[in-house]
Protein backbone atom coordinates (compact mmCIF):
# COMPACT_ATOMS: atom_id res chain seq x y z
CA MET A 1 0.00 0.00 0.00
CA PRO A 2 1.42 3.41 -0.91
CA PRO A 3 2.48 5.56 2.06
CA GLN A 4 -0.16 8.19 1.26
CA ASP A 5 -2.91 5.57 1.54
CA VAL A 6 -1.56 4.46 4.92
CA LYS A 7 -1.56 8.04 6.19
CA GLN A 8 -5.13 8.58 5.01
CA GLN A 9 -6.31 5.34 6.58
CA ALA A 10 -4.47 6.16 9.82
CA ARG A 11 -6.19 9.54 9.97
CA LYS A 12 -9.58 7.90 9.47
CA LEU A 13 -8.84 5.28 12.11
CA VAL A 14 -7.95 8.00 14.63
CA GLU A 15 -10.95 10.14 13.71
CA ASP A 16 -13.32 7.18 14.17
CA LEU A 17 -12.07 6.38 17.69
CA PRO A 18 -13.89 7.64 20.79
CA GLU A 19 -12.72 10.86 22.41
CA ASP A 20 -11.58 9.14 25.62
CA ILE A 21 -9.11 6.78 23.93
CA THR A 22 -5.75 6.12 25.59
CA TRP A 23 -2.37 5.67 23.91
CA ASP A 24 -2.60 1.95 24.70
CA ASP A 25 -6.00 1.80 22.97
CA LEU A 26 -4.58 3.53 19.91
CA VAL A 27 -1.59 1.19 19.72
CA TYR A 28 -3.91 -1.81 20.05
CA GLU A 29 -6.11 -0.55 17.19
CA VAL A 30 -3.15 0.10 14.89
CA ILE A 31 -1.52 -3.28 15.58
CA THR A 32 -4.82 -5.13 15.19
CA ARG A 33 -5.43 -3.40 11.85
CA ARG A 34 -1.92 -4.30 10.65
CA GLU A 35 -2.25 -7.95 11.65
CA VAL A 36 -5.68 -8.33 10.03
CA GLU A 37 -4.37 -6.81 6.79
CA LYS A 38 -1.36 -9.15 6.86
CA GLY A 39 -3.63 -12.14 7.44
CA LEU A 40 -5.91 -11.16 4.58
CA ALA A 41 -2.92 -10.74 2.27
CA ASP A 42 -1.60 -14.18 3.27
CA SER A 43 -5.02 -15.73 2.67
CA GLN A 44 -5.35 -14.11 -0.75
CA ALA A 45 -1.86 -15.32 -1.67
CA GLY A 46 -2.67 -18.88 -0.60
CA ARG A 47 -0.30 -18.81 2.38
CA THR A 48 -2.59 -20.72 4.72
CA THR A 49 -2.46 -23.95 6.71
CA PRO A 50 -5.39 -26.37 6.75
CA VAL A 51 -7.15 -26.64 10.12
CA ASP A 52 -6.50 -30.39 10.28
CA ASP A 53 -2.74 -29.78 9.99
CA VAL A 54 -2.79 -27.20 12.77
CA ALA A 55 -4.84 -29.51 14.98
CA LYS A 56 -2.35 -32.34 14.45
CA GLU A 57 0.59 -30.05 15.18
CA PHE A 58 -0.92 -29.04 18.52
CA GLY A 59 -2.29 -32.50 19.39
CA ILE A 60 -5.90 -31.39 19.16
CA SER A 61 -8.48 -33.94 18.11
CA GLU A 62 -11.62 -32.76 16.41
């Protein structure tokens, strides 16, 4: 994403937050947004792991 788009989206994110937000709240929102976008990009690029494989890796039976 071009830097200008990031700045515009960051401004919108801040503007949409409640007035009583803390710095910790802001950091949480920014990091959550980043991680969701990374996850969506991975999914669109086919970089995923089937649920059955993850369950096996962690010894979880379905």
